[in-house]
Protein backbone atom coordinates (compact mmCIF):
# COMPACT_ATOMS: atom_id res chain seq x y z
CA MET A 1 0.01 -0.07 -0.13
CA ILE A 2 1.22 3.52 -0.82
CA ILE A 3 0.67 4.96 2.84
CA ASP A 4 3.98 6.46 3.91
CA ARG A 5 5.49 4.96 6.92
CA GLY A 6 8.84 6.76 7.28
CA VAL A 7 7.01 9.99 8.54
CA MET A 8 5.42 7.83 11.56
CA ARG A 9 8.49 6.13 12.49
CA ALA A 10 10.61 9.54 12.44
CA ALA A 11 8.07 11.05 14.87
CA ALA A 12 7.97 7.69 16.98
CA VAL A 13 11.84 8.14 18.02
CA LEU A 14 11.20 11.35 19.63
CA ALA A 15 12.13 11.49 23.20
CA VAL A 16 9.51 12.63 25.97
CA GLY A 17 12.63 14.31 27.91
CA THR A 18 13.44 16.67 24.40
CA ALA A 19 14.06 20.17 25.55
CA PHE A 20 11.35 22.74 23.68
CA GLY A 21 12.94 26.01 24.46
CA HIS A 22 9.89 27.11 26.15
CA PRO A 23 9.98 29.97 28.76
CA PHE A 24 7.48 28.36 31.30
CA ALA A 25 7.58 26.80 34.51
CA ALA A 26 4.47 26.63 36.94
CA GLY A 27 3.00 29.77 37.48
CA ALA A 28 4.93 31.47 34.89
CA GLN A 29 3.85 34.62 32.88
CA THR A 30 3.04 34.28 29.34
CA ALA A 31 4.99 36.08 26.93
CA SER A 32 2.27 38.04 25.07
CA SER A 33 -0.12 38.93 27.57
CA GLY A 34 1.77 39.09 31.05
CA GLN A 35 -0.67 36.66 32.64
CA ALA A 36 -0.48 33.54 33.98
CA TYR A 37 -2.03 30.81 31.62
CA PRO A 38 -4.42 29.26 32.01
CA THR A 39 -6.63 31.62 34.07
CA LYS A 40 -9.81 30.06 33.18
CA PRO A 41 -11.53 26.74 31.88
CA VAL A 42 -9.89 25.64 28.37
CA ARG A 43 -12.38 24.47 25.90
CA VAL A 44 -11.04 21.36 24.13
CA ILE A 45 -13.19 20.04 20.94
CA VAL A 46 -13.11 16.57 19.94
CA ALA A 47 -14.03 16.37 16.37
CA PHE A 48 -15.66 12.93 17.02
CA ALA A 49 -18.38 11.49 19.18
CA ALA A 50 -17.75 10.14 22.76
CA GLY A 51 -16.46 6.55 23.05
CA GLY A 52 -13.72 6.52 20.28
CA PHE A 53 -10.19 6.97 19.81
CA ALA A 54 -9.94 10.72 19.53
CA ASP A 55 -12.36 10.70 22.44
CA TYR A 56 -10.37 8.67 24.66
CA MET A 57 -7.18 10.66 24.28
CA GLY A 58 -8.65 14.00 24.41
CA ARG A 59 -10.23 13.04 27.73
CA SER A 60 -7.00 11.26 29.09
CA ILE A 61 -4.65 14.05 28.10
CA GLY A 62 -7.38 16.77 29.21
CA GLN A 63 -7.62 15.61 32.84
CA LYS A 64 -3.76 15.45 33.01
CA LEU A 65 -3.95 19.00 31.75
CA SER A 66 -6.47 19.91 34.56
CA ASP A 67 -4.54 18.42 37.17
CA ARG A 68 -1.28 19.75 36.23
CA LEU A 69 -2.36 23.60 35.39
CA GLY A 70 -4.77 23.79 38.02
CA GLN A 71 -7.80 24.85 35.32
CA GLN A 72 -10.32 22.56 33.64
CA PHE A 73 -9.72 21.43 30.15
CA VAL A 74 -13.42 20.94 29.20
CA ILE A 75 -14.00 18.15 26.48
CA ASP A 76 -16.65 19.58 23.99
CA ASN A 77 -17.64 16.44 21.66
CA ARG A 78 -18.53 17.77 18.23
CA GLY A 79 -18.79 14.60 15.75
CA GLY A 80 -19.74 14.97 12.38
CA ALA A 81 -18.21 15.22 8.75
CA GLY A 82 -15.37 13.14 9.43
CA GLY A 83 -14.04 15.57 12.05
CA THR A 84 -14.79 18.82 9.87
CA TYR A 85 -17.63 20.16 11.72
CA GLY A 86 -15.42 20.15 15.16
CA ALA A 87 -12.66 21.76 13.11
CA LYS A 88 -14.61 24.44 11.57
CA LEU A 89 -15.66 25.32 15.40
CA ALA A 90 -12.08 25.51 16.71
CA ALA A 91 -10.98 27.48 13.54
CA ASP A 92 -13.27 30.19 14.20
CA GLY A 93 -12.14 30.20 18.08
CA THR A 94 -10.24 33.32 19.77
CA PRO A 95 -6.42 32.24 19.39
CA ASP A 96 -5.99 32.67 22.99
CA GLY A 97 -5.04 29.26 24.35
CA TYR A 98 -8.55 28.54 25.68
CA THR A 99 -10.02 27.03 22.64
CA LEU A 100 -8.25 23.59 21.58
CA LEU A 101 -8.96 20.93 18.58
CA VAL A 102 -8.52 17.22 18.96
CA ASN A 103 -8.49 15.51 15.71
CA THR A 104 -7.42 12.50 13.98
CA ALA A 105 -5.73 11.72 10.85
CA ALA A 106 -8.97 12.56 9.28
CA SER A 107 -7.71 16.28 9.58
CA THR A 108 -5.41 15.60 6.46
CA VAL A 109 -7.53 13.76 4.45
CA ALA A 110 -10.31 16.43 4.52
CA PRO A 111 -8.48 18.76 2.25
CA SER A 112 -8.52 16.38 -0.65
CA LEU A 113 -12.17 15.72 -0.02
CA TYR A 114 -14.21 18.87 0.20
CA LYS A 115 -14.44 21.73 -1.93
CA ASN A 116 -15.55 24.25 0.92
CA LEU A 117 -14.40 23.15 4.27
CA GLY A 118 -14.78 26.84 5.49
CA TYR A 119 -11.27 26.72 6.74
CA ASP A 120 -7.67 25.68 5.52
CA LEU A 121 -5.96 23.30 7.87
CA VAL A 122 -2.35 24.34 7.49
CA LYS A 123 -3.23 28.53 7.46
CA ASP A 124 -6.09 28.39 10.18
CA PHE A 125 -4.51 26.15 12.84
CA THR A 126 -1.26 25.75 14.80
CA PRO A 127 -0.20 22.27 15.26
CA VAL A 128 0.35 21.79 19.04
CA ALA A 129 1.47 18.12 19.76
CA ASN A 130 0.70 14.64 18.22
CA THR A 131 -0.15 11.88 20.76
CA VAL A 132 -0.30 8.34 19.60
CA SER A 133 -1.35 6.39 16.72
CA ALA A 134 -2.86 3.17 16.25
CA ALA A 135 -3.56 0.66 13.38
CA GLY A 136 -6.61 -0.06 11.76
CA LEU A 137 -8.54 -3.00 12.77
CA PHE A 138 -11.38 -5.36 10.75
CA SER A 139 -13.73 -6.88 13.23
CA VAL A 140 -17.06 -8.61 13.18
CA LEU A 141 -19.62 -10.02 15.64
CA ALA A 142 -18.24 -13.08 17.25
CA SER A 143 -20.93 -15.31 15.68
CA HIS A 144 -19.90 -14.02 12.12
CA PRO A 145 -18.95 -17.31 10.31
CA ALA A 146 -15.85 -15.54 8.59
CA ARG A 147 -12.59 -16.81 10.15
CA ASP A 148 -10.22 -13.99 9.07
CA LEU A 149 -10.22 -10.89 6.42
CA LYS A 150 -9.17 -13.49 3.67
CA ASP A 151 -12.39 -15.70 4.42
CA LEU A 152 -14.51 -12.66 4.67
CA ILE A 153 -13.44 -11.56 1.28
CA GLN A 154 -14.34 -14.75 -0.41
CA ARG A 155 -17.40 -15.10 1.21
CA SER A 156 -18.33 -11.19 -0.04
CA LYS A 157 -17.68 -12.06 -3.57
CA GLY A 158 -21.29 -11.17 -5.36
CA ARG A 159 -22.78 -9.66 -2.71
CA GLN A 160 -22.78 -6.20 -1.17
CA LEU A 161 -20.73 -5.80 1.82
CA ASN A 162 -21.60 -2.83 4.47
CA TYR A 163 -18.84 -1.50 6.87
CA ALA A 164 -18.71 0.87 9.47
CA THR A 165 -16.02 3.54 10.40
CA ALA A 166 -15.63 6.92 12.55
CA GLY A 167 -17.20 9.20 9.85
CA VAL A 168 -17.07 9.92 6.05
CA GLY A 169 -13.73 11.31 4.88
CA THR A 170 -11.87 9.66 7.68
CA SER A 171 -8.41 7.80 7.28
CA SER A 172 -10.24 4.41 8.00
CA HIS A 173 -12.95 5.42 5.24
CA ILE A 174 -10.35 5.76 2.81
CA ALA A 175 -8.02 3.03 3.55
CA ALA A 176 -10.95 0.38 3.96
CA ASP A 177 -12.21 1.84 0.70
CA TYR A 178 -9.04 1.44 -0.97
CA LEU A 179 -8.64 -2.17 0.67
CA LEU A 180 -12.45 -3.58 -0.13
CA ARG A 181 -13.52 -1.83 -3.29
CA VAL A 182 -10.14 -1.07 -5.04
CA LEU A 183 -7.84 -3.82 -3.91
CA ALA A 184 -10.25 -6.68 -3.33
CA LYS A 185 -12.87 -5.62 -5.93
CA LEU A 186 -15.87 -5.96 -3.75
CA ASP A 187 -19.25 -4.24 -3.79
CA ALA A 188 -18.32 -2.56 -0.64
CA VAL A 189 -20.44 0.07 1.01
CA HIS A 190 -19.55 2.68 3.62
CA VAL A 191 -21.86 3.43 6.51
CA PRO A 192 -20.14 6.15 8.31
CA PHE A 193 -20.98 7.34 12.04
CA LYS A 194 -20.00 10.30 13.90
CA GLY A 195 -17.12 8.38 15.94
CA GLY A 196 -15.61 5.14 16.79
CA GLY A 197 -18.03 4.27 19.42
CA PRO A 198 -21.33 4.82 17.54
CA ALA A 199 -19.64 2.50 14.75
CA THR A 200 -19.02 -0.28 17.22
CA ILE A 201 -22.28 0.00 18.78
CA ALA A 202 -23.94 -0.20 15.16
CA VAL A 203 -22.05 -3.56 14.60
CA LEU A 204 -22.78 -4.81 17.98
CA GLY A 205 -26.20 -4.43 17.39
CA ASN A 206 -25.88 -6.34 13.82
CA GLN A 207 -27.00 -3.07 12.00
CA VAL A 208 -23.53 -3.26 9.90
CA GLU A 209 -21.69 -6.13 9.06
CA LEU A 210 -18.17 -5.05 9.30
CA LEU A 211 -16.02 -2.43 11.47
CA TYR A 212 -13.07 -0.82 10.38
CA GLY A 213 -11.07 1.66 12.76
CA SER A 214 -7.95 2.47 14.85
CA MET A 215 -8.23 -0.74 17.11
CA ALA A 216 -11.81 -0.39 16.67
CA GLY A 217 -13.89 -3.10 18.96
CA LEU A 218 -10.83 -4.10 20.86
CA PRO A 219 -12.59 -4.05 24.45
CA HIS A 220 -15.17 -5.99 22.77
CA ILE A 221 -12.88 -8.52 20.96
CA GLN A 222 -11.10 -9.41 24.27
CA ALA A 223 -14.14 -9.84 25.97
CA GLY A 224 -15.45 -12.20 23.28
CA ARG A 225 -18.29 -10.17 21.97
CA MET A 226 -16.60 -9.25 18.57
CA LYS A 227 -13.49 -10.97 16.55
CA GLY A 228 -10.84 -9.33 14.86
CA LEU A 229 -10.39 -10.28 11.14
CA GLY A 230 -7.28 -8.35 10.30
CA VAL A 231 -5.01 -5.77 11.58
CA ALA A 232 -3.46 -3.10 9.20
CA SER A 233 0.15 -3.64 10.52
CA LEU A 234 3.03 -4.96 8.94
CA LYS A 235 3.31 -7.58 11.59
CA ARG A 236 0.69 -9.11 14.01
CA ILE A 237 0.28 -6.90 17.32
CA GLU A 238 1.28 -8.31 20.76
CA ILE A 239 -2.11 -7.53 22.32
CA LEU A 240 -4.14 -9.39 19.27
CA PRO A 241 -1.39 -12.20 18.60
CA ASP A 242 -3.82 -14.64 16.74
CA VAL A 243 -5.56 -12.02 14.54
CA PRO A 244 -3.70 -11.91 11.07
CA THR A 245 -2.12 -8.84 9.48
CA VAL A 246 -3.79 -7.65 6.05
CA ALA A 247 -0.79 -8.32 4.22
CA GLU A 248 -1.54 -12.15 5.53
CA ALA A 249 -5.06 -11.92 3.64
CA GLY A 250 -3.05 -11.30 0.18
CA PHE A 251 -2.33 -7.77 0.42
CA PRO A 252 1.34 -7.39 0.97
CA GLY A 253 2.72 -3.89 2.28
CA PHE A 254 -0.65 -2.54 3.54
CA GLU A 255 -0.48 -0.55 6.51
CA GLU A 256 -2.86 2.19 8.02
CA ARG A 257 -2.50 4.07 11.43
CA SER A 258 -4.57 6.80 12.59
CA TRP A 259 -3.14 9.30 15.04
CA VAL A 260 -4.84 11.77 17.58
CA GLY A 261 -3.25 15.30 17.84
CA PHE A 262 -3.71 18.57 19.63
CA PHE A 263 -4.11 21.89 17.45
CA ALA A 264 -4.88 25.71 18.42
CA PRO A 265 -6.54 28.34 16.12
CA ALA A 266 -3.61 30.04 13.88
CA GLY A 267 -2.11 32.92 15.75
CA THR A 268 -2.41 31.46 19.35
CA PRO A 269 0.82 32.88 21.11
CA THR A 270 3.93 30.69 20.49
CA ALA A 271 4.75 30.89 24.39
CA ILE A 272 1.12 28.85 25.17
CA VAL A 273 1.55 26.63 22.21
CA ASN A 274 5.06 25.69 23.79
CA ARG A 275 3.51 25.26 27.12
CA LEU A 276 0.83 23.26 26.05
CA ASN A 277 3.37 20.90 23.85
CA GLN A 278 5.29 20.35 26.94
CA GLU A 279 2.41 19.43 29.37
CA ILE A 280 0.94 17.04 26.85
CA ASN A 281 4.34 15.50 26.12
CA GLN A 282 4.75 14.92 29.94
CA ALA A 283 1.09 13.75 30.25
CA LEU A 284 1.78 11.29 27.60
CA ALA A 285 4.78 10.04 30.24
CA SER A 286 2.56 9.48 32.90
CA PRO A 287 2.61 5.54 34.11
CA ASP A 288 -1.36 5.36 34.04
CA ILE A 289 -1.36 6.46 30.47
CA VAL A 290 1.64 4.66 29.18
CA ALA A 291 -0.12 1.48 30.65
CA ASN A 292 -3.29 2.14 28.97
CA ILE A 293 -2.04 3.10 25.71
CA LYS A 294 -0.15 -0.32 25.62
CA THR A 295 -3.13 -2.17 26.76
CA ARG A 296 -4.99 -0.61 23.78
CA GLY A 297 -2.08 -1.32 21.03
CA MET A 298 -1.45 2.35 20.58
CA GLN A 299 2.36 3.85 19.98
CA MET A 300 3.26 7.29 21.58
CA HIS A 301 4.55 10.13 19.11
CA PRO A 302 5.77 12.95 21.69
CA GLY A 303 7.64 15.77 19.83
CA SER A 304 7.80 19.72 19.26
CA PRO A 305 5.07 21.90 17.67
CA ALA A 306 7.75 21.96 14.59
CA ASP A 307 7.81 18.24 14.27
CA PHE A 308 4.01 17.84 14.40
CA ALA A 309 3.62 20.55 12.04
CA ARG A 310 5.91 18.97 9.44
CA PHE A 311 4.39 15.63 9.98
CA VAL A 312 0.81 17.23 9.27
CA ARG A 313 2.25 18.51 5.77
CA ALA A 314 3.22 15.27 5.32
CA GLU A 315 0.00 13.55 5.76
CA VAL A 316 -1.97 16.04 3.74
CA ALA A 317 0.13 15.18 0.83
CA LYS A 318 0.08 11.48 1.52
CA TRP A 319 -3.64 11.44 2.07
CA ALA A 320 -4.18 13.64 -1.13
CA GLU A 321 -2.54 10.58 -3.24
CA MET A 322 -4.85 8.08 -1.34
CA VAL A 323 -8.07 10.04 -2.48
CA LYS A 324 -7.02 10.31 -6.08
CA VAL A 325 -6.23 6.50 -5.98
CA THR A 326 -9.68 5.78 -4.52
CA GLY A 327 -11.71 8.22 -6.16
CA VAL A 328 -13.77 9.09 -3.32
CA LYS A 329 -15.40 12.72 -3.70
CA LEU A 330 -17.68 14.51 -1.37
CA GLU A 331 -19.09 17.66 -1.24
């Protein structure tokens, strides 16, 4: 698959202890306003519904920021349109550090899919920090007759296969469309939701046959309610050793990972961005978050705002090519 893994590997080697050159200690003054930051609650817009990948990281990091900085980081779930609804709300926010956006790889897919987003990801946002990434996972109800992804594809020849993701225009949507419709040549129909949580519920309720997303359905697989058919990583993952890779289903080199990052409206003072970056990186290093990330099959990606900005630009270019290959078009 043409999804580039080099940028992700480069981000992964960054150490949490990297010095970012920020001017802050606890209670320090902002360079722009002369007032301590934060002095009031911070709105954290999560661009997907509760219960999914982005929501989990937004809430986990948000709680740590609240504890560390002494002000509430209030989670505001605004799912819809593959993360673009929440992104537009955040883009319109005042660039003072009191509006943040939590979004996924979907944010870098959207510029190639929508003609009128109402915002420009590169111009209207300042990347603050990347957090984690997770491989895509195909899963179905435990009672489904398919043994693995290869078996499901064979069983789906000549019929319609419905699959659920966290939303239209997400990286999961494009990657699944590429695999199922372009490579496997199935009559695959996308059923989008406002987040991984609602998508998982739909499959558990037998409303949609197949689920695909960033470790989507993992707790239900571990509980025996669902079963994993294929993971979009180059080798099997430790927490699901019995689930084959997509490559084992006959698609060598296929890999897709989504990620969760924090953004601020463009123009947010550099001093505030740098402090938030440092605090997010330190939150990622917290023992409880490290343990939870491991049990959820995720990888950490700490780094500076400049690192994340370079990564975002590379992702925009990568997904533009993927959208071109699949031919997916949205208005």
